[in-house]
Amino acid sequence: MIENATLPNVLIVGCGALGSHAALLLRNEASLVLVDGDRVEAKNVLSQVHGKSGVGKNKAQALQGLLNFLSGVKTSATACYLTAANVTTMTRGAALVVDCTDAVEPRTLLHREAQKRGLPVLHAALAAGDQGYGQVTWDSDNYRPDANEGAAPTCRAGENLPTAALVAAYAARSAQIFLREGRRLGFAVSASGGAVVL
């Protein structure tokens, strides 16, 4: 098993279409802490980094097992949702939080925590509907969690997998640049593969 004890702790909140791909790409950059309260459903296998053996298991724990199986990378997993009661505890000790949730409440909680503590939070989201784009945005005074963020139908039949993977790849790249250089780059990503630095 590969130990990541010397690497910075990166908390990935949400282990679905965006978070599972981001974790796969960040496995060599950080000691990953995975958080999700959902369970893997059969439809998730088509659009997320979850195998059939993970169906019925908690997403964070299933992804933890898969990363260990695929590359021997040790991660931590917490099988719960991010809430007002646990957000401070969950984010304590994180060098970076990568928000891959698809709901306003956890995004708002992470935004408030970032503003209160100066915590670096990177938000990754797919656009609502089938518009085929996404965004990777650093938390700031101007960041406003949007009810449409993350509402894309990523779990239907995997048809949005390329777009989800692209957005996750740009989130991983942005996290990598931050961890290595301290720079905060955001991206607007289109389904055609193009990206604009924000």
Protein backbone atom coordinates (compact mmCIF):
# COMPACT_ATOMS: atom_id res chain seq x y z
CA MET A 1 0.00 0.00 0.00
CA ILE A 2 1.30 3.44 -0.93
CA GLU A 3 1.35 5.80 2.03
CA ASN A 4 0.64 9.47 1.39
CA ALA A 5 1.66 10.68 4.85
CA THR A 6 4.03 13.35 3.49
CA LEU A 7 1.50 14.76 1.07
CA PRO A 8 -0.99 17.53 1.93
CA ASN A 9 -4.48 16.52 3.01
CA VAL A 10 -7.13 17.21 0.37
CA LEU A 11 -10.76 16.79 1.31
CA ILE A 12 -13.03 15.80 -1.58
CA VAL A 13 -16.67 16.39 -0.71
CA GLY A 14 -18.95 14.42 -3.04
CA CYS A 15 -17.75 11.18 -4.64
CA GLY A 16 -20.08 11.05 -7.64
CA ALA A 17 -19.39 11.94 -11.27
CA LEU A 18 -17.02 14.82 -10.53
CA GLY A 19 -15.55 13.79 -7.19
CA SER A 20 -14.76 10.20 -8.13
CA HIS A 21 -12.88 11.27 -11.28
CA ALA A 22 -11.09 14.10 -9.45
CA ALA A 23 -9.98 11.65 -6.73
CA LEU A 24 -8.64 9.24 -9.34
CA LEU A 25 -6.59 12.05 -10.89
CA LEU A 26 -5.36 13.50 -7.58
CA ARG A 27 -4.34 10.19 -6.02
CA ASN A 28 -0.60 10.94 -6.45
CA GLU A 29 -0.81 14.61 -5.43
CA ALA A 30 -2.38 14.43 -2.00
CA SER A 31 -3.48 12.37 0.93
CA LEU A 32 -7.15 12.15 0.03
CA VAL A 33 -10.03 12.34 2.47
CA LEU A 34 -13.29 11.32 0.77
CA VAL A 35 -16.70 12.41 2.09
CA ASP A 36 -20.11 11.37 0.79
CA GLY A 37 -23.34 10.16 2.39
CA ASP A 38 -24.80 8.58 -0.76
CA ARG A 39 -24.73 4.96 -1.82
CA VAL A 40 -23.56 3.67 -5.20
CA GLU A 41 -26.48 2.79 -7.45
CA ALA A 42 -26.29 0.55 -10.53
CA LYS A 43 -26.72 3.59 -12.82
CA ASN A 44 -23.66 5.26 -11.23
CA VAL A 45 -21.34 2.63 -12.71
CA LEU A 46 -21.93 4.19 -16.15
CA SER A 47 -20.91 7.72 -15.20
CA GLN A 48 -18.71 7.53 -12.10
CA VAL A 49 -15.51 5.81 -11.01
CA HIS A 50 -17.42 3.05 -9.26
CA GLY A 51 -17.48 -0.61 -10.21
CA LYS A 52 -20.32 -3.09 -10.03
CA SER A 53 -18.87 -4.48 -6.82
CA GLY A 54 -19.50 -1.11 -5.17
CA VAL A 55 -23.24 -1.06 -5.83
CA GLY A 56 -25.09 -0.67 -2.53
CA LYS A 57 -22.00 0.55 -0.66
CA ASN A 58 -21.36 4.08 0.53
CA LYS A 59 -19.75 6.12 -2.29
CA ALA A 60 -16.81 7.41 -0.24
CA GLN A 61 -15.99 3.95 1.11
CA ALA A 62 -16.47 2.26 -2.27
CA LEU A 63 -14.14 4.78 -3.92
CA GLN A 64 -11.62 4.31 -1.12
CA GLY A 65 -11.58 0.56 -1.76
CA LEU A 66 -11.34 1.01 -5.52
CA LEU A 67 -8.40 3.44 -5.32
CA ASN A 68 -6.60 1.06 -2.99
CA PHE A 69 -7.31 -1.86 -5.35
CA LEU A 70 -6.28 0.00 -8.53
CA SER A 71 -3.14 1.72 -7.33
CA GLY A 72 -2.51 0.85 -3.70
CA VAL A 73 -3.14 4.44 -2.63
CA LYS A 74 -4.33 4.79 0.94
CA THR A 75 -7.19 7.24 1.45
CA SER A 76 -9.59 8.05 4.24
CA ALA A 77 -13.35 7.84 3.79
CA THR A 78 -16.22 9.24 5.81
CA ALA A 79 -19.70 7.91 5.07
CA CYS A 80 -21.80 10.96 5.87
CA TYR A 81 -23.14 14.15 4.39
CA LEU A 82 -21.53 17.51 5.09
CA THR A 83 -23.77 19.42 7.51
CA ALA A 84 -23.68 22.58 9.59
CA ALA A 85 -22.91 20.39 12.61
CA ASN A 86 -19.83 18.72 11.10
CA VAL A 87 -18.40 21.12 8.48
CA THR A 88 -15.77 22.65 10.79
CA THR A 89 -14.61 19.27 12.07
CA MET A 90 -14.57 17.72 8.60
CA THR A 91 -12.51 20.51 7.05
CA ARG A 92 -10.03 20.85 9.91
CA GLY A 93 -6.51 19.93 8.79
CA ALA A 94 -7.31 20.14 5.08
CA ALA A 95 -4.78 21.97 2.91
CA LEU A 96 -7.53 22.18 0.29
CA VAL A 97 -11.21 21.29 -0.03
CA VAL A 98 -12.52 20.23 -3.44
CA ASP A 99 -16.29 20.67 -3.49
CA CYS A 100 -17.88 18.25 -5.96
CA THR A 101 -21.35 18.29 -4.45
CA ASP A 102 -24.48 18.91 -6.47
CA ALA A 103 -26.59 20.70 -3.88
CA VAL A 104 -26.78 24.28 -2.61
CA GLU A 105 -26.60 23.44 1.10
CA PRO A 106 -23.11 21.85 1.24
CA ARG A 107 -21.78 24.44 -1.22
CA THR A 108 -23.11 27.21 1.02
CA LEU A 109 -21.64 25.58 4.13
CA LEU A 110 -18.23 25.30 2.48
CA HIS A 111 -18.43 28.89 1.24
CA ARG A 112 -19.19 30.13 4.75
CA GLU A 113 -16.38 28.03 6.21
CA ALA A 114 -13.96 29.35 3.59
CA GLN A 115 -14.94 32.94 4.34
CA LYS A 116 -14.78 32.44 8.12
CA ARG A 117 -11.45 30.58 8.26
CA GLY A 118 -9.66 31.47 5.05
CA LEU A 119 -9.96 27.84 4.01
CA PRO A 120 -9.03 27.21 0.34
CA VAL A 121 -12.13 25.74 -1.33
CA LEU A 122 -12.35 24.80 -4.99
CA HIS A 123 -15.89 24.33 -6.34
CA ALA A 124 -16.42 22.06 -9.37
CA ALA A 125 -19.84 21.95 -11.01
CA LEU A 126 -21.61 20.85 -14.15
CA ALA A 127 -24.19 23.14 -15.72
CA ALA A 128 -27.84 22.30 -15.30
CA GLY A 129 -29.50 20.37 -18.09
CA ASP A 130 -27.75 19.01 -21.16
CA GLN A 131 -25.82 22.17 -21.96
CA GLY A 132 -22.46 20.38 -21.91
CA TYR A 133 -20.27 22.65 -19.84
CA GLY A 134 -19.00 23.07 -16.35
CA GLN A 135 -16.99 25.34 -14.14
CA VAL A 136 -14.12 25.09 -11.69
CA THR A 137 -14.25 28.11 -9.37
CA TRP A 138 -12.25 29.16 -6.33
CA ASP A 139 -14.22 30.38 -3.36
CA SER A 140 -14.13 34.15 -2.94
CA ASP A 141 -16.24 36.99 -1.58
CA ASN A 142 -18.05 36.98 -4.94
CA TYR A 143 -18.79 33.24 -5.04
CA ARG A 144 -22.50 32.48 -4.77
CA PRO A 145 -23.69 28.87 -4.65
CA ASP A 146 -26.17 28.40 -7.47
CA ALA A 147 -29.20 26.13 -7.25
CA ASN A 148 -28.45 24.91 -10.77
CA GLU A 149 -24.85 23.93 -10.15
CA GLY A 150 -24.33 20.22 -10.33
CA ALA A 151 -27.89 19.54 -11.47
CA ALA A 152 -26.83 18.00 -14.78
CA PRO A 153 -28.24 14.49 -15.38
CA THR A 154 -24.87 12.79 -14.98
CA CYS A 155 -26.19 9.45 -13.78
CA ARG A 156 -28.78 8.51 -16.37
CA ALA A 157 -26.81 6.38 -18.81
CA GLY A 158 -23.33 7.85 -18.84
CA GLU A 159 -24.00 10.13 -21.82
CA ASN A 160 -22.45 13.08 -19.95
CA LEU A 161 -19.40 11.12 -18.83
CA PRO A 162 -16.92 12.91 -21.15
CA THR A 163 -18.06 16.33 -19.92
CA ALA A 164 -17.98 15.24 -16.28
CA ALA A 165 -14.50 13.77 -16.76
CA LEU A 166 -13.27 17.00 -18.41
CA VAL A 167 -14.57 19.18 -15.60
CA ALA A 168 -13.06 16.79 -13.02
CA ALA A 169 -9.74 16.86 -14.89
CA TYR A 170 -9.66 20.65 -14.79
CA ALA A 171 -10.57 20.57 -11.10
CA ALA A 172 -7.68 18.16 -10.49
CA ARG A 173 -5.33 20.37 -12.53
CA SER A 174 -6.40 23.46 -10.61
CA ALA A 175 -5.86 21.62 -7.31
CA GLN A 176 -2.45 20.42 -8.50
CA ILE A 177 -1.35 23.95 -9.43
CA PHE A 178 -2.52 25.23 -6.05
CA LEU A 179 -0.75 22.49 -4.11
CA ARG A 180 2.51 22.86 -6.04
CA GLU A 181 2.63 26.61 -6.69
CA GLY A 182 -0.01 28.25 -4.51
CA ARG A 183 -1.77 29.76 -7.55
CA ARG A 184 -5.56 29.67 -7.85
CA LEU A 185 -6.73 29.09 -11.41
CA GLY A 186 -10.37 28.53 -12.27
CA PHE A 187 -11.74 27.22 -15.55
CA ALA A 188 -14.90 27.36 -17.61
CA VAL A 189 -15.03 24.07 -19.50
CA SER A 190 -17.05 23.24 -22.64
CA ALA A 191 -18.07 19.79 -23.84
CA SER A 192 -15.91 20.31 -26.93
CA GLY A 193 -12.87 20.07 -24.70
CA GLY A 194 -12.06 23.75 -24.65
CA ALA A 195 -11.46 25.63 -21.43
CA VAL A 196 -11.12 29.29 -20.52
CA VAL A 197 -9.07 30.36 -17.51
CA LEU A 198 -11.20 32.38 -15.09
